[in-house]
């Protein structure tokens, strides 16, 4: 592996498990893992709300669903319409300098959406802030979006329910070599396997044993 690339398991900030109904999604994940996710909050203007559980240091699982109190989904979260049952849809990669990353991605001829500011209020009233950068690509949800947390915001992994750990993370698609090359341009070395279907695949160590989300 090139020294300039980060292994995909370390690049993960969080995994997005799409569900049609948040409460049912929390129950589904608890039945699988033995850990009950805590409500995270609503994303005003994006049309979503979530629940979280920690996957270890600076990594977490986000159970995300359309928010029935909001009327529309933002375009960047339209993929949630695919989640008619619980489904690992996409992932977020961490960065400490999203502006530099955006410049690097632009130089590599990626089409970008952002960086843009984001925020949500936690149930305790504290505000979390971040910046996100979405990469437009033929590989769609297999290419992560990137997130830089505001240094004054507590990372969600630090106060979400513990007990699970990200044990492995890989990607599957019909053109693994091309996806691998695209991720390398963004600084990520990924395990990519040939498959008819395009999907991310995560292996979690949980109190109920090894669980695969895909």
C-alpha atoms as a PDB file:
ATOM      1  CA  UNK A   1       0.000   0.000   0.000  1.00  0.00           C
ATOM      2  CA  UNK A   2       1.291   3.473  -0.812  1.00  0.00           C
ATOM      3  CA  UNK A   3       2.296   5.458   2.231  1.00  0.00           C
ATOM      4  CA  UNK A   4       0.143   8.330   0.986  1.00  0.00           C
ATOM      5  CA  UNK A   5      -3.020   6.221   1.106  1.00  0.00           C
ATOM      6  CA  UNK A   6      -5.049   5.396   4.193  1.00  0.00           C
ATOM      7  CA  UNK A   7      -6.556   1.917   4.560  1.00  0.00           C
ATOM      8  CA  UNK A   8     -10.301   1.970   4.041  1.00  0.00           C
ATOM      9  CA  UNK A   9     -11.065   0.585   7.532  1.00  0.00           C
ATOM     10  CA  UNK A  10      -9.228   3.562   9.061  1.00  0.00           C
ATOM     11  CA  UNK A  11     -10.728   6.037   6.598  1.00  0.00           C
ATOM     12  CA  UNK A  12     -14.293   5.250   7.736  1.00  0.00           C
ATOM     13  CA  UNK A  13     -15.888   7.917   9.894  1.00  0.00           C
ATOM     14  CA  UNK A  14     -19.328   6.339   9.841  1.00  0.00           C
ATOM     15  CA  UNK A  15     -21.500   3.869   7.978  1.00  0.00           C
ATOM     16  CA  UNK A  16     -25.015   4.808   6.885  1.00  0.00           C
ATOM     17  CA  UNK A  17     -27.645   2.125   7.369  1.00  0.00           C
ATOM     18  CA  UNK A  18     -30.771   3.294   5.581  1.00  0.00           C
ATOM     19  CA  UNK A  19     -34.136   2.274   7.021  1.00  0.00           C
ATOM     20  CA  UNK A  20     -37.703   3.275   6.104  1.00  0.00           C
ATOM     21  CA  UNK A  21     -38.707   3.866   9.742  1.00  0.00           C
ATOM     22  CA  UNK A  22     -36.254   4.939  12.438  1.00  0.00           C
ATOM     23  CA  UNK A  23     -37.814   3.185  15.442  1.00  0.00           C
ATOM     24  CA  UNK A  24     -38.115  -0.068  13.508  1.00  0.00           C
ATOM     25  CA  UNK A  25     -34.525   0.340  12.322  1.00  0.00           C
ATOM     26  CA  UNK A  26     -33.277   0.753  15.893  1.00  0.00           C
ATOM     27  CA  UNK A  27     -35.086  -2.445  16.903  1.00  0.00           C
ATOM     28  CA  UNK A  28     -33.709  -4.316  13.870  1.00  0.00           C
ATOM     29  CA  UNK A  29     -30.116  -3.344  14.669  1.00  0.00           C
ATOM     30  CA  UNK A  30     -30.555  -4.209  18.352  1.00  0.00           C
ATOM     31  CA  UNK A  31     -31.861  -7.675  17.414  1.00  0.00           C
ATOM     32  CA  UNK A  32     -28.806  -8.214  15.208  1.00  0.00           C
ATOM     33  CA  UNK A  33     -26.104  -6.794  17.474  1.00  0.00           C
ATOM     34  CA  UNK A  34     -27.440  -6.746  21.025  1.00  0.00           C
ATOM     35  CA  UNK A  35     -26.798  -2.984  21.238  1.00  0.00           C
ATOM     36  CA  UNK A  36     -29.583  -0.396  21.167  1.00  0.00           C
ATOM     37  CA  UNK A  37     -28.732   2.755  19.233  1.00  0.00           C
ATOM     38  CA  UNK A  38     -29.473   6.120  20.825  1.00  0.00           C
ATOM     39  CA  UNK A  39     -31.503   8.793  19.066  1.00  0.00           C
ATOM     40  CA  UNK A  40     -29.198  11.318  17.431  1.00  0.00           C
ATOM     41  CA  UNK A  41     -31.499  14.066  16.215  1.00  0.00           C
ATOM     42  CA  UNK A  42     -33.039  15.646  13.154  1.00  0.00           C
ATOM     43  CA  UNK A  43     -31.273  17.197  10.171  1.00  0.00           C
ATOM     44  CA  UNK A  44     -33.275  20.378   9.462  1.00  0.00           C
ATOM     45  CA  UNK A  45     -33.675  21.024   5.762  1.00  0.00           C
ATOM     46  CA  UNK A  46     -32.323  17.610   4.770  1.00  0.00           C
ATOM     47  CA  UNK A  47     -35.441  15.595   5.506  1.00  0.00           C
ATOM     48  CA  UNK A  48     -33.759  12.978   7.708  1.00  0.00           C
ATOM     49  CA  UNK A  49     -33.292  11.908  11.323  1.00  0.00           C
ATOM     50  CA  UNK A  50     -31.006   9.323  12.849  1.00  0.00           C
ATOM     51  CA  UNK A  51     -29.887   7.054  15.661  1.00  0.00           C
ATOM     52  CA  UNK A  52     -26.296   6.137  16.474  1.00  0.00           C
ATOM     53  CA  UNK A  53     -24.100   3.466  17.991  1.00  0.00           C
ATOM     54  CA  UNK A  54     -20.333   3.494  18.384  1.00  0.00           C
ATOM     55  CA  UNK A  55     -18.092   1.215  16.330  1.00  0.00           C
ATOM     56  CA  UNK A  56     -15.001   2.046  18.328  1.00  0.00           C
ATOM     57  CA  UNK A  57     -12.645   4.994  18.339  1.00  0.00           C
ATOM     58  CA  UNK A  58     -13.901   7.795  16.083  1.00  0.00           C
ATOM     59  CA  UNK A  59     -16.194   5.465  14.106  1.00  0.00           C
ATOM     60  CA  UNK A  60     -19.929   4.845  14.356  1.00  0.00           C
ATOM     61  CA  UNK A  61     -23.004   3.390  12.707  1.00  0.00           C
ATOM     62  CA  UNK A  62     -25.676   5.880  11.684  1.00  0.00           C
ATOM     63  CA  UNK A  63     -29.174   4.464  11.314  1.00  0.00           C
ATOM     64  CA  UNK A  64     -30.804   7.031   9.072  1.00  0.00           C
ATOM     65  CA  UNK A  65     -34.406   7.375   7.916  1.00  0.00           C
ATOM     66  CA  UNK A  66     -36.697   9.929   6.284  1.00  0.00           C
ATOM     67  CA  UNK A  67     -38.015  12.315   8.943  1.00  0.00           C
ATOM     68  CA  UNK A  68     -41.838  12.311   8.876  1.00  0.00           C
ATOM     69  CA  UNK A  69     -41.880  15.846  10.341  1.00  0.00           C
ATOM     70  CA  UNK A  70     -40.130  17.178   7.198  1.00  0.00           C
ATOM     71  CA  UNK A  71     -41.702  17.271   3.766  1.00  0.00           C
ATOM     72  CA  UNK A  72     -38.855  16.486   1.357  1.00  0.00           C
ATOM     73  CA  UNK A  73     -35.508  14.710   1.204  1.00  0.00           C
ATOM     74  CA  UNK A  74     -32.502  16.776   0.150  1.00  0.00           C
ATOM     75  CA  UNK A  75     -31.023  15.591  -3.182  1.00  0.00           C
ATOM     76  CA  UNK A  76     -27.877  14.228  -1.509  1.00  0.00           C
ATOM     77  CA  UNK A  77     -30.037  11.915   0.619  1.00  0.00           C
ATOM     78  CA  UNK A  78     -32.424  10.792  -2.121  1.00  0.00           C
ATOM     79  CA  UNK A  79     -30.670   7.402  -1.944  1.00  0.00           C
ATOM     80  CA  UNK A  80     -32.694   6.704   1.206  1.00  0.00           C
ATOM     81  CA  UNK A  81     -35.606   5.879  -1.081  1.00  0.00           C
ATOM     82  CA  UNK A  82     -33.718   2.659  -1.915  1.00  0.00           C
ATOM     83  CA  UNK A  83     -33.976   1.487   1.693  1.00  0.00           C
ATOM     84  CA  UNK A  84     -37.331  -0.257   1.708  1.00  0.00           C
ATOM     85  CA  UNK A  85     -35.703  -2.651   4.208  1.00  0.00           C
ATOM     86  CA  UNK A  86     -32.614  -2.004   6.393  1.00  0.00           C
ATOM     87  CA  UNK A  87     -29.679  -1.663   4.029  1.00  0.00           C
ATOM     88  CA  UNK A  88     -26.095  -0.443   4.242  1.00  0.00           C
ATOM     89  CA  UNK A  89     -26.247   2.273   1.619  1.00  0.00           C
ATOM     90  CA  UNK A  90     -23.061   4.311   1.756  1.00  0.00           C
ATOM     91  CA  UNK A  91     -20.311   5.582   4.023  1.00  0.00           C
ATOM     92  CA  UNK A  92     -18.560   8.711   5.178  1.00  0.00           C
ATOM     93  CA  UNK A  93     -14.790   9.112   5.251  1.00  0.00           C
ATOM     94  CA  UNK A  94     -13.003  11.364   7.718  1.00  0.00           C
ATOM     95  CA  UNK A  95     -10.821  14.325   6.850  1.00  0.00           C
ATOM     96  CA  UNK A  96      -9.076  17.014   8.885  1.00  0.00           C
ATOM     97  CA  UNK A  97      -8.860  19.459   5.983  1.00  0.00           C
ATOM     98  CA  UNK A  98     -11.887  19.341   3.747  1.00  0.00           C
ATOM     99  CA  UNK A  99     -10.862  22.387   1.706  1.00  0.00           C
ATOM    100  CA  UNK A 100      -7.538  20.771   0.760  1.00  0.00           C
ATOM    101  CA  UNK A 101      -9.347  17.534  -0.045  1.00  0.00           C
ATOM    102  CA  UNK A 102     -11.791  19.410  -2.276  1.00  0.00           C
ATOM    103  CA  UNK A 103      -8.881  20.973  -4.156  1.00  0.00           C
ATOM    104  CA  UNK A 104      -7.267  17.541  -4.581  1.00  0.00           C
ATOM    105  CA  UNK A 105     -10.528  16.002  -5.820  1.00  0.00           C
ATOM    106  CA  UNK A 106     -11.101  18.901  -8.217  1.00  0.00           C
ATOM    107  CA  UNK A 107      -7.568  18.485  -9.605  1.00  0.00           C
ATOM    108  CA  UNK A 108      -8.395  14.797 -10.190  1.00  0.00           C
ATOM    109  CA  UNK A 109     -11.419  15.900 -12.269  1.00  0.00           C
ATOM    110  CA  UNK A 110     -14.114  14.801  -9.840  1.00  0.00           C
ATOM    111  CA  UNK A 111     -17.368  16.736  -9.887  1.00  0.00           C
ATOM    112  CA  UNK A 112     -18.027  18.070  -6.386  1.00  0.00           C
ATOM    113  CA  UNK A 113     -20.937  19.123  -4.228  1.00  0.00           C
ATOM    114  CA  UNK A 114     -19.550  21.224  -1.397  1.00  0.00           C
ATOM    115  CA  UNK A 115     -17.849  21.653   0.949  1.00  0.00           C
ATOM    116  CA  UNK A 116     -20.979  22.726   2.766  1.00  0.00           C
ATOM    117  CA  UNK A 117     -21.773  23.411   6.416  1.00  0.00           C
ATOM    118  CA  UNK A 118     -24.015  21.017   8.339  1.00  0.00           C
ATOM    119  CA  UNK A 119     -25.474  20.885  11.825  1.00  0.00           C
ATOM    120  CA  UNK A 120     -28.043  19.135  13.984  1.00  0.00           C
ATOM    121  CA  UNK A 121     -29.318  19.533  17.506  1.00  0.00           C
ATOM    122  CA  UNK A 122     -28.815  16.556  19.801  1.00  0.00           C
ATOM    123  CA  UNK A 123     -31.643  15.473  22.103  1.00  0.00           C
ATOM    124  CA  UNK A 124     -29.817  17.242  24.972  1.00  0.00           C
ATOM    125  CA  UNK A 125     -29.938  20.497  23.007  1.00  0.00           C
ATOM    126  CA  UNK A 126     -26.225  20.655  22.144  1.00  0.00           C
ATOM    127  CA  UNK A 127     -25.440  21.541  18.556  1.00  0.00           C
ATOM    128  CA  UNK A 128     -23.146  19.404  16.415  1.00  0.00           C
ATOM    129  CA  UNK A 129     -21.428  21.106  13.477  1.00  0.00           C
ATOM    130  CA  UNK A 130     -19.501  19.715  10.527  1.00  0.00           C
ATOM    131  CA  UNK A 131     -18.587  20.249   6.884  1.00  0.00           C
ATOM    132  CA  UNK A 132     -19.287  17.692   4.159  1.00  0.00           C
ATOM    133  CA  UNK A 133     -18.014  17.154   0.644  1.00  0.00           C
ATOM    134  CA  UNK A 134     -19.920  14.937  -1.788  1.00  0.00           C
ATOM    135  CA  UNK A 135     -18.126  13.384  -4.763  1.00  0.00           C
ATOM    136  CA  UNK A 136     -20.160  12.821  -7.919  1.00  0.00           C
ATOM    137  CA  UNK A 137     -19.015   9.626  -9.583  1.00  0.00           C
ATOM    138  CA  UNK A 138     -20.093   6.733 -11.780  1.00  0.00           C
ATOM    139  CA  UNK A 139     -19.626   4.584  -8.680  1.00  0.00           C
ATOM    140  CA  UNK A 140     -22.345   6.484  -6.837  1.00  0.00           C
ATOM    141  CA  UNK A 141     -22.673   5.434  -3.177  1.00  0.00           C
ATOM    142  CA  UNK A 142     -19.480   3.338  -3.144  1.00  0.00           C
ATOM    143  CA  UNK A 143     -17.442   6.536  -3.218  1.00  0.00           C
ATOM    144  CA  UNK A 144     -17.821   8.037   0.259  1.00  0.00           C
ATOM    145  CA  UNK A 145     -18.761  11.548   1.113  1.00  0.00           C
ATOM    146  CA  UNK A 146     -16.205  13.245   3.328  1.00  0.00           C
ATOM    147  CA  UNK A 147     -16.797  14.859   6.692  1.00  0.00           C
ATOM    148  CA  UNK A 148     -14.753  17.251   8.792  1.00  0.00           C
ATOM    149  CA  UNK A 149     -16.099  17.692  12.316  1.00  0.00           C
ATOM    150  CA  UNK A 150     -16.005  21.076  13.981  1.00  0.00           C
ATOM    151  CA  UNK A 151     -13.298  20.819  16.668  1.00  0.00           C
ATOM    152  CA  UNK A 152     -15.773  22.131  19.248  1.00  0.00           C
ATOM    153  CA  UNK A 153     -18.251  19.320  18.513  1.00  0.00           C
ATOM    154  CA  UNK A 154     -18.041  15.978  20.294  1.00  0.00           C
ATOM    155  CA  UNK A 155     -17.578  13.164  17.795  1.00  0.00           C
ATOM    156  CA  UNK A 156     -20.708  10.938  17.861  1.00  0.00           C
ATOM    157  CA  UNK A 157     -18.633   7.807  18.526  1.00  0.00           C
ATOM    158  CA  UNK A 158     -17.580   9.254  21.881  1.00  0.00           C
ATOM    159  CA  UNK A 159     -21.002   9.287  23.505  1.00  0.00           C
ATOM    160  CA  UNK A 160     -22.977   6.680  21.544  1.00  0.00           C
ATOM    161  CA  UNK A 161     -23.744   3.200  22.949  1.00  0.00           C
ATOM    162  CA  UNK A 162     -20.689   0.949  22.900  1.00  0.00           C
ATOM    163  CA  UNK A 163     -20.233  -2.785  22.374  1.00  0.00           C
ATOM    164  CA  UNK A 164     -19.731  -3.023  18.602  1.00  0.00           C
ATOM    165  CA  UNK A 165     -16.554  -2.630  16.581  1.00  0.00           C
ATOM    166  CA  UNK A 166     -15.850  -2.297  12.874  1.00  0.00           C
ATOM    167  CA  UNK A 167     -13.926  -5.457  12.075  1.00  0.00           C
ATOM    168  CA  UNK A 168     -13.789  -5.206   8.291  1.00  0.00           C
ATOM    169  CA  UNK A 169     -15.038  -3.051   5.449  1.00  0.00           C
ATOM    170  CA  UNK A 170     -14.945  -3.758   1.714  1.00  0.00           C
ATOM    171  CA  UNK A 171     -16.678  -2.757  -1.492  1.00  0.00           C
ATOM    172  CA  UNK A 172     -18.116  -4.848  -4.315  1.00  0.00           C
ATOM    173  CA  UNK A 173     -18.837  -3.783  -7.889  1.00  0.00           C
ATOM    174  CA  UNK A 174     -18.585  -4.994 -11.508  1.00  0.00           C
ATOM    175  CA  UNK A 175     -15.435  -2.879 -12.166  1.00  0.00           C
ATOM    176  CA  UNK A 176     -13.243  -3.233  -9.058  1.00  0.00           C
ATOM    177  CA  UNK A 177     -10.056  -1.936 -10.675  1.00  0.00           C
ATOM    178  CA  UNK A 178     -11.673   1.357 -11.723  1.00  0.00           C
ATOM    179  CA  UNK A 179     -13.270   1.908  -8.317  1.00  0.00           C
ATOM    180  CA  UNK A 180      -9.970   1.127  -6.597  1.00  0.00           C
ATOM    181  CA  UNK A 181      -8.237   3.715  -8.787  1.00  0.00           C
ATOM    182  CA  UNK A 182     -10.894   6.368  -8.089  1.00  0.00           C
ATOM    183  CA  UNK A 183     -10.576   5.862  -4.342  1.00  0.00           C
ATOM    184  CA  UNK A 184      -6.785   6.049  -4.560  1.00  0.00           C
ATOM    185  CA  UNK A 185      -7.107   9.508  -6.137  1.00  0.00           C
ATOM    186  CA  UNK A 186      -8.987  10.508  -2.974  1.00  0.00           C
ATOM    187  CA  UNK A 187      -6.294   9.068  -0.704  1.00  0.00           C
ATOM    188  CA  UNK A 188      -7.991   5.763   0.188  1.00  0.00           C
ATOM    189  CA  UNK A 189      -6.728   2.216  -0.323  1.00  0.00           C
ATOM    190  CA  UNK A 190      -9.761  -0.066  -0.425  1.00  0.00           C
ATOM    191  CA  UNK A 191     -10.516  -3.750  -0.668  1.00  0.00           C
ATOM    192  CA  UNK A 192     -12.710  -3.956  -3.779  1.00  0.00           C
ATOM    193  CA  UNK A 193     -14.118  -7.228  -5.070  1.00  0.00           C
ATOM    194  CA  UNK A 194     -15.784  -8.093  -8.359  1.00  0.00           C
ATOM    195  CA  UNK A 195     -19.520  -8.596  -8.066  1.00  0.00           C
ATOM    196  CA  UNK A 196     -22.587  -8.245 -10.235  1.00  0.00           C
ATOM    197  CA  UNK A 197     -24.084  -5.951  -7.604  1.00  0.00           C
ATOM    198  CA  UNK A 198     -22.524  -2.715  -6.371  1.00  0.00           C
ATOM    199  CA  UNK A 199     -22.577  -2.541  -2.583  1.00  0.00           C
ATOM    200  CA  UNK A 200     -20.553  -1.751   0.521  1.00  0.00           C
ATOM    201  CA  UNK A 201     -20.070  -4.571   3.025  1.00  0.00           C
ATOM    202  CA  UNK A 202     -19.208  -4.153   6.699  1.00  0.00           C
ATOM    203  CA  UNK A 203     -18.311  -6.798   9.243  1.00  0.00           C
ATOM    204  CA  UNK A 204     -19.039  -5.863  12.854  1.00  0.00           C
ATOM    205  CA  UNK A 205     -17.874  -7.576  16.013  1.00  0.00           C
ATOM    206  CA  UNK A 206     -20.862  -7.388  18.373  1.00  0.00           C
ATOM    207  CA  UNK A 207     -22.041  -8.861  21.694  1.00  0.00           C
ATOM    208  CA  UNK A 208     -23.993 -11.366  19.566  1.00  0.00           C
ATOM    209  CA  UNK A 209     -20.997 -12.378  17.475  1.00  0.00           C
ATOM    210  CA  UNK A 210     -19.923 -11.359  14.006  1.00  0.00           C
ATOM    211  CA  UNK A 211     -22.599  -9.519  12.019  1.00  0.00           C
ATOM    212  CA  UNK A 212     -22.421  -8.608   8.325  1.00  0.00           C
ATOM    213  CA  UNK A 213     -24.217  -5.520   7.031  1.00  0.00           C
ATOM    214  CA  UNK A 214     -24.512  -5.041   3.273  1.00  0.00           C
END
